[in-house]
């Protein structure tokens, strides 16, 4: 808004001295407006800081992962046994050593506290939402496990997750897709028909999708969870492990669907 105001003001000032001055004045006013917008943006300081120090960004992701898990677990007022079990399962999947596990439990507990400052985590994370959307998706996939353990998307936990996702640049639809895909990867039904439906959910497509749509969804999912790609972008060890496990699940789902389709065409 400020940049357009600057464009108009600059144009009006330049118009006093002719067409060339009008153009130059408009451009200068616009540039000044852009600079002023960035200067007034409270998140600019975080963007500048993380641009200089990638290790600080990784440290933020590491701590935020466990703090946010604790916050979500307590978002509906009480931490259930299922949420604790899920948190323990997440810790196990990260293969944390004794010291790292104690630190994760400490951060999880801090996130549960009534005085936990959610914006102290969301502000710096949201400042790099556009640049690191891929990393933040993996971050949300980890958090989604706590929501799924809660079992009620309409509860305080589910609503808190949607709020967090929105702050990080994800629409409600995108957040629900993440929940659906993570849930499908965690719970494998025993019946064949339902099992196939679950595999499609993991890839985020309907069972009636075309071969081209299936292949495109598979490639996108694998690219989003490519460990080397995420690591080069600044992902934490925990996020890389989570993405590696999910990429294996995606590959298995794709193979299962292909086998089913090929078998039905014989």
Protein backbone atom coordinates (compact mmCIF):
# COMPACT_ATOMS: atom_id res chain seq x y z
CA UNK A 1 0.00 0.00 0.00
CA UNK A 2 2.79 2.42 0.93
CA UNK A 3 4.66 1.80 -2.34
CA UNK A 4 1.60 2.77 -4.39
CA UNK A 5 1.10 5.85 -2.27
CA UNK A 6 4.72 6.73 -2.94
CA UNK A 7 4.15 6.19 -6.66
CA UNK A 8 1.22 8.61 -6.68
CA UNK A 9 2.93 11.27 -4.56
CA UNK A 10 6.12 11.02 -6.59
CA UNK A 11 4.11 11.31 -9.79
CA UNK A 12 2.25 14.37 -8.60
CA UNK A 13 5.48 16.07 -7.58
CA UNK A 14 7.13 15.21 -10.87
CA UNK A 15 4.13 16.31 -12.91
CA UNK A 16 4.87 19.89 -11.90
CA UNK A 17 8.03 19.82 -14.06
CA UNK A 18 6.85 17.89 -17.14
CA UNK A 19 6.40 14.34 -18.49
CA UNK A 20 9.99 13.13 -17.92
CA UNK A 21 9.94 14.44 -14.37
CA UNK A 22 6.56 12.74 -13.91
CA UNK A 23 8.02 9.34 -14.84
CA UNK A 24 11.17 9.81 -12.77
CA UNK A 25 9.19 11.11 -9.81
CA UNK A 26 6.78 8.17 -9.99
CA UNK A 27 9.64 5.65 -10.05
CA UNK A 28 11.49 7.29 -7.18
CA UNK A 29 8.28 7.49 -5.17
CA UNK A 30 7.60 3.79 -5.79
CA UNK A 31 11.14 2.75 -4.81
CA UNK A 32 10.95 4.84 -1.66
CA UNK A 33 7.58 3.27 -0.83
CA UNK A 34 8.99 -0.25 -1.25
CA UNK A 35 11.92 0.59 1.02
CA UNK A 36 9.61 2.11 3.63
CA UNK A 37 7.31 -0.95 3.56
CA UNK A 38 10.23 -3.28 4.22
CA UNK A 39 11.62 -1.02 6.93
CA UNK A 40 8.27 -1.04 8.73
CA UNK A 41 7.76 -4.80 8.36
CA UNK A 42 8.44 -6.29 11.85
CA UNK A 43 9.64 -9.53 10.24
CA UNK A 44 12.39 -7.86 8.20
CA UNK A 45 14.89 -8.14 11.08
CA UNK A 46 14.43 -11.93 11.14
CA UNK A 47 14.88 -12.26 7.37
CA UNK A 48 18.10 -10.26 7.49
CA UNK A 49 19.40 -12.23 10.46
CA UNK A 50 18.72 -15.68 8.97
CA UNK A 51 20.14 -14.58 5.62
CA UNK A 52 23.46 -13.98 7.41
CA UNK A 53 23.38 -16.98 9.75
CA UNK A 54 21.99 -20.24 8.37
CA UNK A 55 23.02 -22.13 11.50
CA UNK A 56 20.78 -19.85 13.57
CA UNK A 57 17.88 -20.77 11.28
CA UNK A 58 18.58 -24.49 11.76
CA UNK A 59 18.70 -23.97 15.52
CA UNK A 60 15.32 -22.22 15.36
CA UNK A 61 13.83 -25.12 13.38
CA UNK A 62 15.24 -27.66 15.82
CA UNK A 63 13.85 -25.98 18.91
CA UNK A 64 10.56 -25.04 17.26
CA UNK A 65 9.89 -28.65 16.29
CA UNK A 66 9.64 -29.82 19.90
CA UNK A 67 8.25 -26.61 21.40
CA UNK A 68 5.38 -26.63 18.90
CA UNK A 69 4.65 -30.30 19.54
CA UNK A 70 4.21 -29.50 23.23
CA UNK A 71 2.07 -26.46 22.45
CA UNK A 72 -0.26 -28.44 20.19
CA UNK A 73 -0.56 -31.30 22.67
CA UNK A 74 -1.78 -28.86 25.33
CA UNK A 75 -3.86 -26.69 22.98
CA UNK A 76 -7.13 -28.37 23.95
CA UNK A 77 -6.43 -27.98 27.67
CA UNK A 78 -4.92 -31.35 28.53
CA UNK A 79 -2.24 -33.65 27.16
CA UNK A 80 -3.66 -37.11 26.48
CA UNK A 81 -1.81 -40.41 26.69
CA UNK A 82 -2.18 -40.83 22.93
CA UNK A 83 -0.43 -37.51 22.37
CA UNK A 84 2.38 -38.49 24.73
CA UNK A 85 2.72 -41.84 22.97
CA UNK A 86 2.85 -40.09 19.61
CA UNK A 87 5.51 -37.66 20.85
CA UNK A 88 7.56 -40.62 22.09
CA UNK A 89 7.14 -42.31 18.70
CA UNK A 90 8.37 -39.15 16.98
CA UNK A 91 11.40 -39.01 19.29
CA UNK A 92 12.11 -42.67 18.49
CA UNK A 93 11.87 -42.04 14.75
CA UNK A 94 14.45 -39.27 15.08
CA UNK A 95 16.89 -41.72 16.72
CA UNK A 96 17.82 -39.21 19.38
CA UNK A 97 20.63 -40.10 21.74
CA UNK A 98 20.07 -39.79 25.49
CA UNK A 99 21.16 -36.17 25.70
CA UNK A 100 19.20 -35.07 22.63
CA UNK A 101 16.10 -36.91 23.87
CA UNK A 102 16.25 -35.14 27.24
CA UNK A 103 16.54 -31.82 25.42
CA UNK A 104 13.56 -32.70 23.22
CA UNK A 105 11.47 -33.61 26.27
CA UNK A 106 12.49 -30.34 27.94
CA UNK A 107 11.41 -28.30 24.93
CA UNK A 108 8.18 -30.29 24.62
CA UNK A 109 7.42 -29.49 28.26
CA UNK A 110 8.18 -25.79 27.75
CA UNK A 111 5.74 -25.69 24.85
CA UNK A 112 2.98 -26.97 27.16
CA UNK A 113 3.36 -24.14 29.65
CA UNK A 114 0.59 -21.50 29.93
CA UNK A 115 3.11 -18.69 29.45
CA UNK A 116 4.53 -20.16 26.22
CA UNK A 117 4.85 -17.35 23.67
CA UNK A 118 3.63 -18.81 20.38
CA UNK A 119 4.46 -15.70 18.37
CA UNK A 120 8.08 -15.88 19.54
CA UNK A 121 8.28 -18.98 17.33
CA UNK A 122 5.82 -18.10 14.58
CA UNK A 123 7.21 -14.63 13.84
CA UNK A 124 10.73 -15.75 12.86
CA UNK A 125 9.40 -18.84 11.06
CA UNK A 126 6.83 -16.88 9.09
CA UNK A 127 9.51 -14.37 8.08
CA UNK A 128 11.06 -17.02 5.83
CA UNK A 129 7.83 -18.77 4.82
CA UNK A 130 8.22 -18.02 1.11
CA UNK A 131 11.90 -18.88 0.91
CA UNK A 132 11.64 -22.10 2.93
CA UNK A 133 8.14 -23.36 2.14
CA UNK A 134 9.47 -26.87 1.55
CA UNK A 135 11.12 -27.03 4.97
CA UNK A 136 8.06 -25.63 6.70
CA UNK A 137 5.90 -28.28 5.05
CA UNK A 138 8.07 -30.99 6.63
CA UNK A 139 7.82 -29.06 9.90
CA UNK A 140 4.01 -29.15 9.66
CA UNK A 141 4.03 -32.84 8.79
CA UNK A 142 5.82 -33.53 12.08
CA UNK A 143 3.34 -31.37 13.99
CA UNK A 144 0.43 -33.07 12.23
CA UNK A 145 1.20 -36.28 14.10
CA UNK A 146 0.19 -34.67 17.38
CA UNK A 147 -3.08 -33.48 15.83
CA UNK A 148 -3.80 -36.97 14.49
CA UNK A 149 -3.06 -38.50 17.88
CA UNK A 150 -5.63 -36.11 19.37
CA UNK A 151 -8.14 -37.59 16.94
CA UNK A 152 -10.41 -34.53 16.70
CA UNK A 153 -9.62 -31.92 14.06
CA UNK A 154 -12.34 -29.66 15.46
CA UNK A 155 -10.68 -29.59 18.89
CA UNK A 156 -8.33 -26.94 20.21
CA UNK A 157 -5.41 -28.93 18.85
CA UNK A 158 -6.84 -29.06 15.33
CA UNK A 159 -7.71 -25.36 15.34
CA UNK A 160 -4.26 -24.45 16.67
CA UNK A 161 -2.65 -26.46 13.87
CA UNK A 162 -4.67 -24.62 11.21
CA UNK A 163 -3.70 -21.28 12.79
CA UNK A 164 -0.02 -22.22 12.78
CA UNK A 165 -0.22 -23.42 9.17
CA UNK A 166 -1.89 -20.17 8.11
CA UNK A 167 0.83 -18.10 9.78
CA UNK A 168 3.40 -20.11 7.85
CA UNK A 169 1.69 -19.41 4.53
CA UNK A 170 -0.42 -22.56 4.12
CA UNK A 171 -4.12 -22.36 3.34
CA UNK A 172 -6.68 -24.37 5.32
CA UNK A 173 -7.00 -26.67 2.33
CA UNK A 174 -3.24 -27.25 2.16
CA UNK A 175 -3.11 -27.86 5.92
CA UNK A 176 -5.92 -30.40 5.74
CA UNK A 177 -4.18 -32.14 2.85
CA UNK A 178 -1.05 -32.47 4.99
CA UNK A 179 -3.12 -33.95 7.84
CA UNK A 180 -4.80 -36.40 5.47
CA UNK A 181 -1.51 -37.54 3.92
CA UNK A 182 0.26 -37.93 7.26
CA UNK A 183 -2.70 -39.83 8.72
CA UNK A 184 -2.70 -42.18 5.74
CA UNK A 185 1.02 -42.84 6.13
CA UNK A 186 0.66 -43.59 9.86
CA UNK A 187 -2.33 -45.93 9.75
CA UNK A 188 -2.46 -48.78 7.27
CA UNK A 189 -5.87 -50.53 7.05
CA UNK A 190 -5.91 -54.30 6.68
CA UNK A 191 -8.54 -54.62 3.94
CA UNK A 192 -7.16 -54.50 0.39
CA UNK A 193 -9.75 -51.99 -0.91
CA UNK A 194 -9.15 -49.61 1.96
CA UNK A 195 -5.41 -50.17 1.75
CA UNK A 196 -5.37 -48.96 -1.86
CA UNK A 197 -7.45 -45.95 -0.93
CA UNK A 198 -4.89 -45.17 1.75
CA UNK A 199 -2.04 -45.33 -0.78
CA UNK A 200 -3.79 -42.78 -2.97
CA UNK A 201 -4.27 -40.52 0.07
CA UNK A 202 -0.54 -40.68 0.78
CA UNK A 203 0.11 -39.25 -2.68
CA UNK A 204 -2.72 -36.74 -2.32
CA UNK A 205 -4.75 -37.90 -5.32
CA UNK A 206 -8.13 -39.59 -5.87
CA UNK A 207 -8.29 -43.26 -6.84
CA UNK A 208 -9.83 -42.27 -10.17
CA UNK A 209 -6.89 -40.08 -11.22
CA UNK A 210 -5.22 -40.56 -14.59
CA UNK A 211 -1.78 -42.12 -15.04
CA UNK A 212 -0.36 -38.68 -15.76
CA UNK A 213 -1.92 -37.17 -12.61
CA UNK A 214 -0.61 -40.09 -10.54
CA UNK A 215 2.91 -39.75 -11.89
CA UNK A 216 2.90 -35.98 -11.37
CA UNK A 217 1.69 -36.34 -7.76
CA UNK A 218 4.38 -38.95 -7.10
CA UNK A 219 7.16 -36.79 -8.53
CA UNK A 220 6.02 -33.74 -6.56
CA UNK A 221 5.81 -35.72 -3.33
CA UNK A 222 9.25 -37.26 -3.81
CA UNK A 223 10.78 -33.89 -4.68
CA UNK A 224 9.23 -32.28 -1.59
CA UNK A 225 10.74 -35.00 0.62
CA UNK A 226 14.13 -35.40 -1.05
CA UNK A 227 16.64 -35.57 1.85
CA UNK A 228 19.58 -34.02 -0.01
CA UNK A 229 17.44 -31.15 -1.30
CA UNK A 230 16.11 -30.42 2.17
CA UNK A 231 19.51 -30.68 3.82
CA UNK A 232 21.02 -28.18 1.40
CA UNK A 233 18.13 -25.82 2.21
CA UNK A 234 18.99 -25.92 5.93
CA UNK A 235 16.81 -28.73 7.28
CA UNK A 236 17.62 -30.12 10.72
CA UNK A 237 18.70 -33.74 11.17
CA UNK A 238 15.25 -34.53 12.58
CA UNK A 239 13.52 -33.06 9.55
CA UNK A 240 15.76 -34.98 7.16
CA UNK A 241 14.98 -38.23 8.97
CA UNK A 242 11.25 -37.49 8.90
CA UNK A 243 11.42 -36.67 5.18
CA UNK A 244 13.44 -39.81 4.44
CA UNK A 245 10.89 -41.99 6.19
CA UNK A 246 8.03 -40.25 4.38
CA UNK A 247 9.75 -40.61 1.00
CA UNK A 248 9.97 -44.37 1.58
CA UNK A 249 6.26 -44.43 2.40
CA UNK A 250 5.53 -42.45 -0.77
CA UNK A 251 7.59 -44.86 -2.87
CA UNK A 252 5.81 -47.87 -1.38
CA UNK A 253 2.42 -46.28 -1.99
CA UNK A 254 3.28 -45.53 -5.62
CA UNK A 255 4.56 -49.05 -6.20
CA UNK A 256 1.42 -50.55 -4.64
CA UNK A 257 -0.84 -48.43 -6.84
CA UNK A 258 1.12 -49.27 -9.98
CA UNK A 259 1.00 -52.99 -9.17
CA UNK A 260 -2.75 -52.77 -8.63
CA UNK A 261 -3.35 -50.89 -11.87
CA UNK A 262 -1.11 -53.15 -13.92
CA UNK A 263 -2.78 -56.19 -12.43
CA UNK A 264 -6.26 -54.89 -13.25
CA UNK A 265 -5.25 -54.38 -16.89
CA UNK A 266 -4.19 -58.00 -17.40
